[in-house]
Amino acid sequence: MPKEPTRALSDVLDRLEQTAHDESISVEEVIEHLGTKSFAALMLVFSLISTSPASAIPGLTATVAVIVFILAAQMMLGRDSVWLPGFVTRRRMSTRKLCEGVSWMRRPVRFVERFLGARLTVLLHRPWLYLPLTLILALSLFMPFMEIVPTSGSIASAAIALFAAGILVRDGALVIVSLVVLLAVPIAAWQLGFAG
């Protein structure tokens, strides 16, 4: 029998879309809706937002970089629940832009989900997780500056999204893919910078 495809990523998008109301939504509302213990889901959502058309919101890439850095640091420290500073949680996003971003993400997410599943789960535990988390910490420090180089910030966010998705669906193979992409991002950003 063929393996039933996982819907974990689509479920996260569904929950994100359900938070949409009024003209804008705060980061705190997104966190409350996704759950304060869901580090991977939160990292996935914010990194995907940063790769979608919603990234056109001024300052969003920098906000996502701060969120990702704090989430990765807390994952390394083994915290049980998410903590983010008030200046981040009070940040608001346009609901229309957010919904446009979710719609844009649905097709690629549905396609990727068909190939995901629990495998190589040993890579989802310490000490193996420290390497990609360390790279994510370093990458998030440079993400605000990547806005200068077109598409490089989106590439960085996509690499982080791959890692978060791997954790969420317990797919160690996807974590390995994210590691390769994470290592390639600085090279790609450097070349794009010179090409520009």
Protein backbone atom coordinates (compact mmCIF):
# COMPACT_ATOMS: atom_id res chain seq x y z
CA MET A 1 0.00 0.00 0.00
CA PRO A 2 1.35 3.48 -0.82
CA LYS A 3 2.25 5.59 2.17
CA GLU A 4 -0.39 8.15 3.11
CA PRO A 5 1.16 11.59 2.53
CA THR A 6 1.67 13.72 5.63
CA ARG A 7 -0.35 16.89 6.01
CA ALA A 8 1.65 18.36 8.86
CA LEU A 9 2.85 21.34 6.84
CA SER A 10 -0.57 22.07 5.36
CA ASP A 11 -2.06 21.85 8.83
CA VAL A 12 0.35 24.58 9.98
CA LEU A 13 -0.74 26.78 7.06
CA ASP A 14 -4.39 26.11 7.93
CA ARG A 15 -3.80 27.22 11.50
CA LEU A 16 -1.93 30.30 10.32
CA GLU A 17 -4.76 31.25 7.97
CA GLN A 18 -7.27 30.85 10.79
CA THR A 19 -5.47 33.57 12.75
CA ALA A 20 -6.26 36.14 10.03
CA HIS A 21 -8.74 38.79 11.16
CA ASP A 22 -9.21 42.54 10.94
CA GLU A 23 -6.66 44.47 8.87
CA SER A 24 -3.54 43.27 10.68
CA ILE A 25 -2.32 40.56 13.02
CA SER A 26 0.42 40.60 15.64
CA VAL A 27 3.29 38.15 15.96
CA GLU A 28 1.96 37.34 19.44
CA GLU A 29 -1.38 36.23 17.99
CA VAL A 30 0.37 33.92 15.54
CA ILE A 31 2.40 32.36 18.35
CA GLU A 32 -0.66 31.88 20.54
CA HIS A 33 -2.56 30.20 17.70
CA LEU A 34 0.28 27.85 16.70
CA GLY A 35 1.24 27.05 20.29
CA THR A 36 4.07 28.22 22.53
CA LYS A 37 5.68 24.76 22.52
CA SER A 38 5.79 24.36 18.73
CA PHE A 39 9.27 25.67 17.92
CA ALA A 40 9.42 23.91 14.54
CA ALA A 41 5.97 25.10 13.44
CA LEU A 42 6.77 28.69 14.37
CA MET A 43 10.16 28.59 12.65
CA LEU A 44 8.52 27.07 9.56
CA VAL A 45 5.75 29.67 9.41
CA PHE A 46 7.95 32.72 9.80
CA SER A 47 10.64 31.49 7.42
CA LEU A 48 7.98 30.63 4.80
CA ILE A 49 6.46 34.09 5.20
CA SER A 50 9.90 35.51 4.47
CA THR A 51 10.07 33.56 1.18
CA SER A 52 6.54 34.50 0.06
CA PRO A 53 5.13 37.73 -1.43
CA ALA A 54 4.43 38.80 2.17
CA SER A 55 8.17 39.48 2.45
CA ALA A 56 7.46 42.77 0.67
CA ILE A 57 6.22 44.12 4.01
CA PRO A 58 8.90 46.64 5.11
CA GLY A 59 11.14 45.27 7.85
CA LEU A 60 9.59 41.79 7.77
CA THR A 61 12.83 40.01 6.84
CA ALA A 62 14.63 41.61 9.79
CA THR A 63 11.76 40.66 12.13
CA VAL A 64 11.81 37.07 10.87
CA ALA A 65 15.59 36.96 11.35
CA VAL A 66 15.21 38.00 15.01
CA ILE A 67 12.44 35.44 15.58
CA VAL A 68 14.41 32.62 13.93
CA PHE A 69 17.56 33.48 15.90
CA ILE A 70 15.70 33.39 19.23
CA LEU A 71 13.85 30.17 18.34
CA ALA A 72 17.06 28.40 17.25
CA ALA A 73 18.89 29.54 20.40
CA GLN A 74 16.08 28.26 22.61
CA MET A 75 15.99 24.94 20.75
CA MET A 76 19.72 24.54 21.40
CA LEU A 77 19.17 25.29 25.08
CA GLY A 78 16.35 22.76 25.27
CA ARG A 79 13.62 25.15 26.40
CA ASP A 80 10.10 23.72 26.71
CA SER A 81 8.22 26.80 25.54
CA VAL A 82 8.83 29.79 23.29
CA TRP A 83 9.77 33.19 24.64
CA LEU A 84 10.06 36.27 22.44
CA PRO A 85 10.68 39.89 23.52
CA GLY A 86 7.80 42.35 23.50
CA PHE A 87 9.16 44.47 20.64
CA VAL A 88 8.90 41.35 18.43
CA THR A 89 5.54 40.03 19.63
CA ARG A 90 3.94 43.47 19.22
CA ARG A 91 5.01 43.65 15.56
CA ARG A 92 1.96 43.59 13.28
CA MET A 93 1.55 42.22 9.75
CA SER A 94 -1.01 43.02 7.09
CA THR A 95 -3.69 40.31 7.10
CA ARG A 96 -4.15 40.68 3.34
CA LYS A 97 -0.43 40.21 2.69
CA LEU A 98 -0.33 37.28 5.10
CA CYS A 99 -3.24 35.52 3.37
CA GLU A 100 -1.63 36.16 -0.04
CA GLY A 101 1.55 34.57 1.30
CA VAL A 102 -0.32 31.53 2.64
CA SER A 103 -2.09 31.05 -0.71
CA TRP A 104 1.23 31.32 -2.54
CA MET A 105 2.78 28.67 -0.25
CA ARG A 106 0.03 26.06 -0.51
CA ARG A 107 0.92 24.56 -3.90
CA PRO A 108 4.64 23.97 -3.22
CA VAL A 109 3.84 22.70 0.29
CA ARG A 110 1.29 20.19 -1.04
CA PHE A 111 3.82 19.00 -3.62
CA VAL A 112 6.63 18.57 -1.06
CA GLU A 113 4.38 16.77 1.45
CA ARG A 114 4.02 13.80 -0.90
CA PHE A 115 7.69 12.93 -0.42
CA LEU A 116 8.00 13.48 3.33
CA GLY A 117 7.83 10.96 6.14
CA ALA A 118 9.56 9.75 9.29
CA ARG A 119 13.09 8.55 8.47
CA LEU A 120 16.64 8.95 9.77
CA THR A 121 15.07 10.22 12.99
CA VAL A 122 18.37 9.85 14.86
CA LEU A 123 19.42 13.10 13.14
CA LEU A 124 16.59 14.94 14.88
CA HIS A 125 18.24 14.65 18.29
CA ARG A 126 21.27 16.15 19.98
CA PRO A 127 24.15 16.32 19.20
CA TRP A 128 23.24 16.06 15.49
CA LEU A 129 20.88 19.03 15.61
CA TYR A 130 23.57 21.40 16.87
CA LEU A 131 25.22 21.80 13.44
CA PRO A 132 22.14 23.01 11.48
CA LEU A 133 20.98 25.10 14.45
CA THR A 134 24.39 26.78 14.67
CA LEU A 135 24.28 27.55 10.94
CA ILE A 136 20.76 28.95 11.31
CA LEU A 137 21.92 31.18 14.17
CA ALA A 138 24.76 32.53 12.04
CA LEU A 139 22.56 32.93 8.96
CA SER A 140 19.84 34.81 10.82
CA LEU A 141 22.40 37.41 11.92
CA PHE A 142 23.07 38.26 8.27
CA MET A 143 19.50 38.02 6.95
CA PRO A 144 18.63 41.71 7.52
CA PHE A 145 21.64 42.69 5.38
CA MET A 146 20.62 40.22 2.66
CA GLU A 147 17.79 42.54 1.65
CA ILE A 148 20.48 44.48 -0.22
CA VAL A 149 21.12 41.46 -2.47
CA PRO A 150 17.93 40.48 -4.35
CA THR A 151 16.56 36.97 -3.59
CA SER A 152 19.36 36.05 -1.16
CA GLY A 153 17.13 36.63 1.88
CA SER A 154 14.47 34.38 0.37
CA ILE A 155 17.05 31.65 -0.25
CA ALA A 156 18.17 31.86 3.37
CA SER A 157 14.57 31.69 4.59
CA ALA A 158 13.86 28.70 2.34
CA ALA A 159 16.83 26.82 3.82
CA ILE A 160 15.52 27.49 7.33
CA ALA A 161 12.02 26.39 6.27
CA LEU A 162 13.42 23.07 5.01
CA PHE A 163 15.06 22.45 8.38
CA ALA A 164 11.89 23.33 10.32
CA ALA A 165 9.79 21.12 8.04
CA GLY A 166 12.19 18.23 8.61
CA ILE A 167 11.81 18.59 12.38
CA LEU A 168 8.04 18.93 12.12
CA VAL A 169 7.49 15.76 10.06
CA ARG A 170 10.38 13.81 11.67
CA ASP A 171 12.27 13.56 8.38
CA GLY A 172 16.03 13.41 8.93
CA ALA A 173 16.67 13.26 5.18
CA LEU A 174 15.06 16.70 4.80
CA VAL A 175 17.27 18.00 7.61
CA ILE A 176 20.30 16.82 5.61
CA VAL A 177 18.98 18.66 2.52
CA SER A 178 18.50 21.80 4.61
CA LEU A 179 22.07 21.47 5.89
CA VAL A 180 23.43 21.38 2.33
CA VAL A 181 21.35 24.43 1.40
CA LEU A 182 22.38 26.26 4.58
CA LEU A 183 26.03 25.72 3.66
CA ALA A 184 25.36 26.90 0.09
CA VAL A 185 23.53 30.12 1.01
CA PRO A 186 26.64 32.24 1.83
CA ILE A 187 28.21 31.20 -1.49
CA ALA A 188 25.01 32.01 -3.41
CA ALA A 189 24.66 35.39 -1.67
CA TRP A 190 28.29 36.22 -2.45
CA GLN A 191 27.88 35.35 -6.15
CA LEU A 192 24.57 37.20 -6.44
CA GLY A 193 26.19 40.22 -4.85
CA PHE A 194 28.97 40.27 -7.41
CA ALA A 195 26.54 39.55 -10.25
CA GLY A 196 24.51 42.57 -9.20
